[in-house]
PDB file of N, CA and C in Angstrom:
ATOM      1  N   MET A   1     134.472 122.506 104.255  1.00  0.00           N
ATOM      2  CA  MET A   1     134.214 123.741 104.949  1.00  0.00           C
ATOM      3  C   MET A   1     132.725 124.048 104.873  1.00  0.00           C
ATOM      4  N   ALA A   2     132.037 123.830 105.941  1.00  0.00           N
ATOM      5  CA  ALA A   2     130.590 124.007 105.970  1.00  0.00           C
ATOM      6  C   ALA A   2     130.221 125.434 106.335  1.00  0.00           C
ATOM      7  N   HIS A   3     129.446 126.059 105.479  1.00  0.00           N
ATOM      8  CA  HIS A   3     128.926 127.392 105.740  1.00  0.00           C
ATOM      9  C   HIS A   3     127.471 127.302 106.147  1.00  0.00           C
ATOM     10  N   LYS A   4     127.066 128.238 106.968  1.00  0.00           N
ATOM     11  CA  LYS A   4     125.685 128.334 107.417  1.00  0.00           C
ATOM     12  C   LYS A   4     125.301 129.795 107.416  1.00  0.00           C
ATOM     13  N   ILE A   5     124.065 130.081 107.011  1.00  0.00           N
ATOM     14  CA  ILE A   5     123.535 131.429 107.133  1.00  0.00           C
ATOM     15  C   ILE A   5     122.395 131.382 108.138  1.00  0.00           C
ATOM     16  N   ILE A   6     122.444 132.321 109.067  1.00  0.00           N
ATOM     17  CA  ILE A   6     121.408 132.437 110.088  1.00  0.00           C
ATOM     18  C   ILE A   6     120.691 133.754 109.857  1.00  0.00           C
ATOM     19  N   GLY A   7     119.388 133.682 109.819  1.00  0.00           N
ATOM     20  CA  GLY A   7     118.579 134.887 109.711  1.00  0.00           C
ATOM     21  C   GLY A   7     117.992 135.205 111.074  1.00  0.00           C
ATOM     22  N   PHE A   8     118.255 136.389 111.572  1.00  0.00           N
ATOM     23  CA  PHE A   8     117.770 136.815 112.887  1.00  0.00           C
ATOM     24  C   PHE A   8     116.681 137.867 112.716  1.00  0.00           C
ATOM     25  N   ALA A   9     115.623 137.731 113.499  1.00  0.00           N
ATOM     26  CA  ALA A   9     114.543 138.722 113.493  1.00  0.00           C
ATOM     27  C   ALA A   9     113.882 138.718 114.861  1.00  0.00           C
ATOM     28  N   TYR A  10     113.168 139.803 115.147  1.00  0.00           N
ATOM     29  CA  TYR A  10     112.411 139.865 116.394  1.00  0.00           C
ATOM     30  C   TYR A  10     111.314 138.810 116.368  1.00  0.00           C
ATOM     31  N   SER A  11     111.170 138.098 117.457  1.00  0.00           N
ATOM     32  CA  SER A  11     110.212 137.000 117.519  1.00  0.00           C
ATOM     33  C   SER A  11     108.769 137.461 117.437  1.00  0.00           C
ATOM     34  N   ASP A  12     108.500 138.698 117.772  1.00  0.00           N
ATOM     35  CA  ASP A  12     107.116 139.197 117.785  1.00  0.00           C
ATOM     36  C   ASP A  12     106.855 140.209 116.676  1.00  0.00           C
ATOM     37  N   SER A  13     107.487 140.018 115.515  1.00  0.00           N
ATOM     38  CA  SER A  13     107.321 140.980 114.435  1.00  0.00           C
ATOM     39  C   SER A  13     107.104 140.281 113.106  1.00  0.00           C
ATOM     40  N   ASN A  14     106.704 141.065 112.115  1.00  0.00           N
ATOM     41  CA  ASN A  14     106.566 140.492 110.776  1.00  0.00           C
ATOM     42  C   ASN A  14     107.925 140.276 110.121  1.00  0.00           C
ATOM     43  N   ASN A  15     108.994 140.794 110.712  1.00  0.00           N
ATOM     44  CA  ASN A  15     110.331 140.527 110.191  1.00  0.00           C
ATOM     45  C   ASN A  15     110.682 139.050 110.265  1.00  0.00           C
ATOM     46  N   LEU A  16     110.075 138.328 111.186  1.00  0.00           N
ATOM     47  CA  LEU A  16     110.343 136.893 111.306  1.00  0.00           C
ATOM     48  C   LEU A  16     109.883 136.165 110.042  1.00  0.00           C
ATOM     49  N   SER A  17     108.694 136.477 109.547  1.00  0.00           N
ATOM     50  CA  SER A  17     108.226 135.826 108.319  1.00  0.00           C
ATOM     51  C   SER A  17     109.031 136.315 107.113  1.00  0.00           C
ATOM     52  N   TYR A  18     109.436 137.581 107.115  1.00  0.00           N
ATOM     53  CA  TYR A  18     110.288 138.107 106.045  1.00  0.00           C
ATOM     54  C   TYR A  18     111.598 137.323 105.966  1.00  0.00           C
ATOM     55  N   ILE A  19     112.267 137.162 107.111  1.00  0.00           N
ATOM     56  CA  ILE A  19     113.540 136.437 107.136  1.00  0.00           C
ATOM     57  C   ILE A  19     113.336 134.971 106.752  1.00  0.00           C
ATOM     58  N   LYS A  20     112.275 134.348 107.238  1.00  0.00           N
ATOM     59  CA  LYS A  20     112.009 132.953 106.886  1.00  0.00           C
ATOM     60  C   LYS A  20     111.835 132.813 105.382  1.00  0.00           C
ATOM     61  N   ASN A  21     111.076 133.691 104.764  1.00  0.00           N
ATOM     62  CA  ASN A  21     110.896 133.646 103.310  1.00  0.00           C
ATOM     63  C   ASN A  21     112.222 133.850 102.583  1.00  0.00           C
ATOM     64  N   GLN A  22     113.032 134.778 103.066  1.00  0.00           N
ATOM     65  CA  GLN A  22     114.345 135.001 102.460  1.00  0.00           C
ATOM     66  C   GLN A  22     115.230 133.754 102.588  1.00  0.00           C
ATOM     67  N   LEU A  23     115.221 133.136 103.766  1.00  0.00           N
ATOM     68  CA  LEU A  23     116.043 131.945 103.966  1.00  0.00           C
ATOM     69  C   LEU A  23     115.597 130.795 103.071  1.00  0.00           C
ATOM     70  N   ASP A  24     114.293 130.645 102.894  1.00  0.00           N
ATOM     71  CA  ASP A  24     113.790 129.600 101.986  1.00  0.00           C
ATOM     72  C   ASP A  24     114.270 129.846 100.561  1.00  0.00           C
ATOM     73  N   ALA A  25     114.234 131.090 100.118  1.00  0.00           N
ATOM     74  CA  ALA A  25     114.707 131.430  98.778  1.00  0.00           C
ATOM     75  C   ALA A  25     116.219 131.229  98.658  1.00  0.00           C
ATOM     76  N   ILE A  26     116.949 131.583  99.705  1.00  0.00           N
ATOM     77  CA  ILE A  26     118.403 131.388  99.704  1.00  0.00           C
ATOM     78  C   ILE A  26     118.729 129.900  99.600  1.00  0.00           C
ATOM     79  N   LYS A  27     117.986 129.073 100.306  1.00  0.00           N
ATOM     80  CA  LYS A  27     118.214 127.627 100.266  1.00  0.00           C
ATOM     81  C   LYS A  27     118.012 127.086  98.852  1.00  0.00           C
ATOM     82  N   ASN A  28     117.043 127.645  98.119  1.00  0.00           N
ATOM     83  CA  ASN A  28     116.838 127.221  96.734  1.00  0.00           C
ATOM     84  C   ASN A  28     118.016 127.614  95.848  1.00  0.00           C
ATOM     85  N   ALA A  29     118.602 128.786  96.094  1.00  0.00           N
ATOM     86  CA  ALA A  29     119.734 129.260  95.290  1.00  0.00           C
ATOM     87  C   ALA A  29     121.049 128.602  95.693  1.00  0.00           C
ATOM     88  N   PHE A  30     121.171 128.251  96.977  1.00  0.00           N
ATOM     89  CA  PHE A  30     122.400 127.665  97.507  1.00  0.00           C
ATOM     90  C   PHE A  30     122.046 126.383  98.264  1.00  0.00           C
ATOM     91  N   PRO A  31     121.754 125.293  97.559  1.00  0.00           N
ATOM     92  CA  PRO A  31     121.279 124.082  98.234  1.00  0.00           C
ATOM     93  C   PRO A  31     122.281 123.475  99.221  1.00  0.00           C
ATOM     94  N   ASN A  32     123.558 123.780  99.062  1.00  0.00           N
ATOM     95  CA  ASN A  32     124.566 123.236  99.979  1.00  0.00           C
ATOM     96  C   ASN A  32     124.805 124.115 101.201  1.00  0.00           C
ATOM     97  N   LEU A  33     124.165 125.265 101.246  1.00  0.00           N
ATOM     98  CA  LEU A  33     124.315 126.198 102.358  1.00  0.00           C
ATOM     99  C   LEU A  33     123.259 125.890 103.410  1.00  0.00           C
ATOM    100  N   GLU A  34     123.705 125.584 104.602  1.00  0.00           N
ATOM    101  CA  GLU A  34     122.771 125.325 105.693  1.00  0.00           C
ATOM    102  C   GLU A  34     122.133 126.641 106.118  1.00  0.00           C
ATOM    103  N   ILE A  35     120.846 126.600 106.440  1.00  0.00           N
ATOM    104  CA  ILE A  35     120.152 127.806 106.883  1.00  0.00           C
ATOM    105  C   ILE A  35     119.532 127.578 108.245  1.00  0.00           C
ATOM    106  N   GLU A  36     119.339 128.671 108.960  1.00  0.00           N
ATOM    107  CA  GLU A  36     118.723 128.610 110.284  1.00  0.00           C
ATOM    108  C   GLU A  36     118.001 129.924 110.551  1.00  0.00           C
ATOM    109  N   LEU A  37     116.884 129.833 111.219  1.00  0.00           N
ATOM    110  CA  LEU A  37     116.124 130.995 111.641  1.00  0.00           C
ATOM    111  C   LEU A  37     116.296 131.164 113.142  1.00  0.00           C
ATOM    112  N   ALA A  38     116.576 132.383 113.589  1.00  0.00           N
ATOM    113  CA  ALA A  38     116.780 132.643 115.020  1.00  0.00           C
ATOM    114  C   ALA A  38     116.140 133.973 115.389  1.00  0.00           C
ATOM    115  N   ASP A  39     116.005 134.200 116.693  1.00  0.00           N
ATOM    116  CA  ASP A  39     115.391 135.447 117.149  1.00  0.00           C
ATOM    117  C   ASP A  39     116.384 136.300 117.924  1.00  0.00           C
ATOM    118  N   GLU A  40     115.873 137.386 118.482  1.00  0.00           N
ATOM    119  CA  GLU A  40     116.725 138.380 119.154  1.00  0.00           C
ATOM    120  C   GLU A  40     117.390 137.877 120.427  1.00  0.00           C
ATOM    121  N   ASN A  41     116.987 136.719 120.920  1.00  0.00           N
ATOM    122  CA  ASN A  41     117.569 136.184 122.149  1.00  0.00           C
ATOM    123  C   ASN A  41     118.748 135.245 121.920  1.00  0.00           C
ATOM    124  N   ASP A  42     119.118 135.042 120.682  1.00  0.00           N
ATOM    125  CA  ASP A  42     120.210 134.124 120.344  1.00  0.00           C
ATOM    126  C   ASP A  42     121.554 134.761 120.706  1.00  0.00           C
ATOM    127  N   SER A  43     122.365 134.052 121.467  1.00  0.00           N
ATOM    128  CA  SER A  43     123.647 134.597 121.948  1.00  0.00           C
ATOM    129  C   SER A  43     124.654 134.839 120.830  1.00  0.00           C
ATOM    130  N   ARG A  44     124.473 134.227 119.681  1.00  0.00           N
ATOM    131  CA  ARG A  44     125.423 134.447 118.577  1.00  0.00           C
ATOM    132  C   ARG A  44     125.383 135.882 118.066  1.00  0.00           C
ATOM    133  N   LEU A  45     124.338 136.605 118.371  1.00  0.00           N
ATOM    134  CA  LEU A  45     124.268 138.012 117.969  1.00  0.00           C
ATOM    135  C   LEU A  45     125.309 138.862 118.687  1.00  0.00           C
ATOM    136  N   LEU A  46     125.861 138.377 119.765  1.00  0.00           N
ATOM    137  CA  LEU A  46     126.891 139.141 120.487  1.00  0.00           C
ATOM    138  C   LEU A  46     128.147 139.338 119.651  1.00  0.00           C
ATOM    139  N   HIS A  47     128.313 138.565 118.554  1.00  0.00           N
ATOM    140  CA  HIS A  47     129.443 138.784 117.647  1.00  0.00           C
ATOM    141  C   HIS A  47     129.345 140.145 116.973  1.00  0.00           C
ATOM    142  N   ILE A  48     128.128 140.673 116.896  1.00  0.00           N
ATOM    143  CA  ILE A  48     127.910 141.943 116.223  1.00  0.00           C
ATOM    144  C   ILE A  48     128.110 143.104 117.187  1.00  0.00           C
ATOM    145  N   SER A  49     127.399 143.050 118.313  1.00  0.00           N
ATOM    146  CA  SER A  49     127.424 144.163 119.249  1.00  0.00           C
ATOM    147  C   SER A  49     126.669 143.780 120.516  1.00  0.00           C
ATOM    148  N   PRO A  50     127.055 144.341 121.648  1.00  0.00           N
ATOM    149  CA  PRO A  50     126.251 144.112 122.855  1.00  0.00           C
ATOM    150  C   PRO A  50     124.833 144.673 122.701  1.00  0.00           C
ATOM    151  N   ASN A  51     124.665 145.640 121.808  1.00  0.00           N
ATOM    152  CA  ASN A  51     123.356 146.239 121.543  1.00  0.00           C
ATOM    153  C   ASN A  51     122.724 145.645 120.282  1.00  0.00           C
ATOM    154  N   HIS A  52     122.970 144.384 120.050  1.00  0.00           N
ATOM    155  CA  HIS A  52     122.577 143.708 118.812  1.00  0.00           C
ATOM    156  C   HIS A  52     121.096 143.795 118.496  1.00  0.00           C
ATOM    157  N   ARG A  53     120.250 143.918 119.486  1.00  0.00           N
ATOM    158  CA  ARG A  53     118.802 143.891 119.235  1.00  0.00           C
ATOM    159  C   ARG A  53     118.323 145.043 118.359  1.00  0.00           C
ATOM    160  N   LYS A  54     119.051 146.140 118.343  1.00  0.00           N
ATOM    161  CA  LYS A  54     118.601 147.261 117.514  1.00  0.00           C
ATOM    162  C   LYS A  54     119.009 147.100 116.051  1.00  0.00           C
ATOM    163  N   TYR A  55     119.752 146.059 115.723  1.00  0.00           N
ATOM    164  CA  TYR A  55     120.250 145.870 114.365  1.00  0.00           C
ATOM    165  C   TYR A  55     119.462 144.847 113.555  1.00  0.00           C
ATOM    166  N   LEU A  56     118.357 144.353 114.050  1.00  0.00           N
ATOM    167  CA  LEU A  56     117.614 143.310 113.348  1.00  0.00           C
ATOM    168  C   LEU A  56     116.687 143.919 112.308  1.00  0.00           C
ATOM    169  N   PRO A  57     116.462 143.218 111.209  1.00  0.00           N
ATOM    170  CA  PRO A  57     116.882 141.865 110.883  1.00  0.00           C
ATOM    171  C   PRO A  57     118.356 141.818 110.494  1.00  0.00           C
ATOM    172  N   THR A  58     118.941 140.652 110.688  1.00  0.00           N
ATOM    173  CA  THR A  58     120.361 140.428 110.423  1.00  0.00           C
ATOM    174  C   THR A  58     120.558 139.066 109.766  1.00  0.00           C
ATOM    175  N   TYR A  59     121.496 139.022 108.836  1.00  0.00           N
ATOM    176  CA  TYR A  59     121.969 137.766 108.263  1.00  0.00           C
ATOM    177  C   TYR A  59     123.382 137.552 108.782  1.00  0.00           C
ATOM    178  N   MET A  60     123.686 136.359 109.257  1.00  0.00           N
ATOM    179  CA  MET A  60     125.029 136.047 109.740  1.00  0.00           C
ATOM    180  C   MET A  60     125.527 134.798 109.017  1.00  0.00           C
ATOM    181  N   ILE A  61     126.773 134.843 108.597  1.00  0.00           N
ATOM    182  CA  ILE A  61     127.409 133.690 107.969  1.00  0.00           C
ATOM    183  C   ILE A  61     128.388 133.090 108.968  1.00  0.00           C
ATOM    184  N   LEU A  62     128.288 131.785 109.148  1.00  0.00           N
ATOM    185  CA  LEU A  62     129.238 131.033 109.952  1.00  0.00           C
ATOM    186  C   LEU A  62     129.995 130.089 109.032  1.00  0.00           C
ATOM    187  N   LYS A  63     131.218 129.819 109.374  1.00  0.00           N
ATOM    188  CA  LYS A  63     132.012 128.807 108.672  1.00  0.00           C
ATOM    189  C   LYS A  63     132.512 127.843 109.729  1.00  0.00           C
ATOM    190  N   ASN A  64     132.129 126.585 109.591  1.00  0.00           N
ATOM    191  CA  ASN A  64     132.460 125.569 110.590  1.00  0.00           C
ATOM    192  C   ASN A  64     132.049 126.030 111.987  1.00  0.00           C
ATOM    193  N   ASP A  65     130.873 126.597 112.088  1.00  0.00           N
ATOM    194  CA  ASP A  65     130.265 127.085 113.333  1.00  0.00           C
ATOM    195  C   ASP A  65     130.981 128.266 113.968  1.00  0.00           C
ATOM    196  N   ALA A  66     131.882 128.902 113.239  1.00  0.00           N
ATOM    197  CA  ALA A  66     132.565 130.092 113.741  1.00  0.00           C
ATOM    198  C   ALA A  66     132.095 131.308 112.939  1.00  0.00           C
ATOM    199  N   TYR A  67     131.928 132.435 113.623  1.00  0.00           N
ATOM    200  CA  TYR A  67     131.491 133.665 112.968  1.00  0.00           C
ATOM    201  C   TYR A  67     132.419 134.036 111.825  1.00  0.00           C
ATOM    202  N   LYS A  68     131.823 134.387 110.676  1.00  0.00           N
ATOM    203  CA  LYS A  68     132.603 134.842 109.532  1.00  0.00           C
ATOM    204  C   LYS A  68     132.258 136.282 109.167  1.00  0.00           C
ATOM    205  N   THR A  69     130.973 136.587 108.988  1.00  0.00           N
ATOM    206  CA  THR A  69     130.550 137.941 108.645  1.00  0.00           C
ATOM    207  C   THR A  69     129.052 138.067 108.858  1.00  0.00           C
ATOM    208  N   HIS A  70     128.556 139.291 108.737  1.00  0.00           N
ATOM    209  CA  HIS A  70     127.112 139.516 108.872  1.00  0.00           C
ATOM    210  C   HIS A  70     126.705 140.734 108.058  1.00  0.00           C
ATOM    211  N   ARG A  71     125.389 140.872 107.948  1.00  0.00           N
ATOM    212  CA  ARG A  71     124.817 142.027 107.264  1.00  0.00           C
ATOM    213  C   ARG A  71     123.488 142.350 107.930  1.00  0.00           C
ATOM    214  N   ASN A  72     123.290 143.605 108.275  1.00  0.00           N
ATOM    215  CA  ASN A  72     122.063 144.042 108.943  1.00  0.00           C
ATOM    216  C   ASN A  72     121.133 144.706 107.949  1.00  0.00           C
ATOM    217  N   GLY A  73     119.832 144.550 108.164  1.00  0.00           N
ATOM    218  CA  GLY A  73     118.845 145.281 107.388  1.00  0.00           C
ATOM    219  C   GLY A  73     118.044 144.405 106.455  1.00  0.00           C
ATOM    220  N   LYS A  74     117.090 145.042 105.798  1.00  0.00           N
ATOM    221  CA  LYS A  74     116.252 144.358 104.808  1.00  0.00           C
ATOM    222  C   LYS A  74     116.853 144.582 103.427  1.00  0.00           C
ATOM    223  N   TYR A  75     116.922 143.516 102.666  1.00  0.00           N
ATOM    224  CA  TYR A  75     117.478 143.560 101.322  1.00  0.00           C
ATOM    225  C   TYR A  75     116.586 142.759 100.395  1.00  0.00           C
ATOM    226  N   THR A  76     116.679 143.060  99.121  1.00  0.00           N
ATOM    227  CA  THR A  76     115.967 142.238  98.160  1.00  0.00           C
ATOM    228  C   THR A  76     116.666 140.883  98.076  1.00  0.00           C
ATOM    229  N   TYR A  77     115.953 139.939  97.545  1.00  0.00           N
ATOM    230  CA  TYR A  77     116.527 138.605  97.352  1.00  0.00           C
ATOM    231  C   TYR A  77     117.812 138.695  96.524  1.00  0.00           C
ATOM    232  N   ASN A  78     117.776 139.460  95.430  1.00  0.00           N
ATOM    233  CA  ASN A  78     118.958 139.576  94.573  1.00  0.00           C
ATOM    234  C   ASN A  78     120.146 140.182  95.309  1.00  0.00           C
ATOM    235  N   GLN A  79     119.902 141.161  96.164  1.00  0.00           N
ATOM    236  CA  GLN A  79     120.990 141.767  96.936  1.00  0.00           C
ATOM    237  C   GLN A  79     121.614 140.755  97.888  1.00  0.00           C
ATOM    238  N   VAL A  80     120.786 139.935  98.516  1.00  0.00           N
ATOM    239  CA  VAL A  80     121.310 138.927  99.442  1.00  0.00           C
ATOM    240  C   VAL A  80     122.115 137.879  98.679  1.00  0.00           C
ATOM    241  N   VAL A  81     121.622 137.448  97.528  1.00  0.00           N
ATOM    242  CA  VAL A  81     122.342 136.453  96.724  1.00  0.00           C
ATOM    243  C   VAL A  81     123.679 137.019  96.270  1.00  0.00           C
ATOM    244  N   GLU A  82     123.705 138.270  95.813  1.00  0.00           N
ATOM    245  CA  GLU A  82     124.971 138.891  95.415  1.00  0.00           C
ATOM    246  C   GLU A  82     125.946 138.951  96.578  1.00  0.00           C
ATOM    247  N   TRP A  83     125.446 139.288  97.762  1.00  0.00           N
ATOM    248  CA  TRP A  83     126.304 139.348  98.947  1.00  0.00           C
ATOM    249  C   TRP A  83     126.872 137.967  99.259  1.00  0.00           C
ATOM    250  N   ILE A  84     126.040 136.946  99.245  1.00  0.00           N
ATOM    251  CA  ILE A  84     126.511 135.590  99.533  1.00  0.00           C
ATOM    252  C   ILE A  84     127.525 135.154  98.486  1.00  0.00           C
ATOM    253  N   ASN A  85     127.275 135.452  97.221  1.00  0.00           N
ATOM    254  CA  ASN A  85     128.221 135.102  96.154  1.00  0.00           C
ATOM    255  C   ASN A  85     129.566 135.786  96.332  1.00  0.00           C
ATOM    256  N   SER A  86     129.585 136.942  96.994  1.00  0.00           N
ATOM    257  CA  SER A  86     130.841 137.672  97.183  1.00  0.00           C
ATOM    258  C   SER A  86     131.699 137.112  98.309  1.00  0.00           C
ATOM    259  N   ILE A  87     131.146 136.207  99.088  1.00  0.00           N
ATOM    260  CA  ILE A  87     131.870 135.669 100.228  1.00  0.00           C
ATOM    261  C   ILE A  87     132.713 134.480  99.776  1.00  0.00           C
ATOM    262  N   HIS A  88     133.992 134.566 100.000  1.00  0.00           N
ATOM    263  CA  HIS A  88     134.937 133.527  99.562  1.00  0.00           C
ATOM    264  C   HIS A  88     134.566 132.173 100.149  1.00  0.00           C
ATOM    265  N   GLY A  89     134.511 131.174  99.302  1.00  0.00           N
ATOM    266  CA  GLY A  89     134.287 129.809  99.753  1.00  0.00           C
ATOM    267  C   GLY A  89     132.851 129.337  99.661  1.00  0.00           C
ATOM    268  N   ILE A  90     131.916 130.227  99.377  1.00  0.00           N
ATOM    269  CA  ILE A  90     130.515 129.818  99.224  1.00  0.00           C
ATOM    270  C   ILE A  90     130.220 129.756  97.740  1.00  0.00           C
ATOM    271  N   ASN A  91     129.847 128.587  97.287  1.00  0.00           N
ATOM    272  CA  ASN A  91     129.544 128.391  95.877  1.00  0.00           C
ATOM    273  C   ASN A  91     128.086 128.028  95.703  1.00  0.00           C
ATOM    274  N   ALA A  92     127.483 128.551  94.654  1.00  0.00           N
ATOM    275  CA  ALA A  92     126.077 128.223  94.342  1.00  0.00           C
ATOM    276  C   ALA A  92     125.952 126.787  93.891  1.00  0.00           C
TER     277      ALA A  92
END
């Protein structure tokens, strides 16, 4: 069961570098978790809302390329790790 976390941010903002840094840190904590960086034009954001652009930055978890859950907003690294640890099937 392959999990992936996608970090979404506006392409023309400093949130993009914030999400990239968070994803790099997440990859260090969860080496088996695939990571991806995406922007506000990615169609997978429609799983959240038709008005998805106002909810960025966003973290989305996929399982076998299917939507599983998401979380909107800025969080500390520890908060994101705790959230990922709470998701069934993702192991550090």
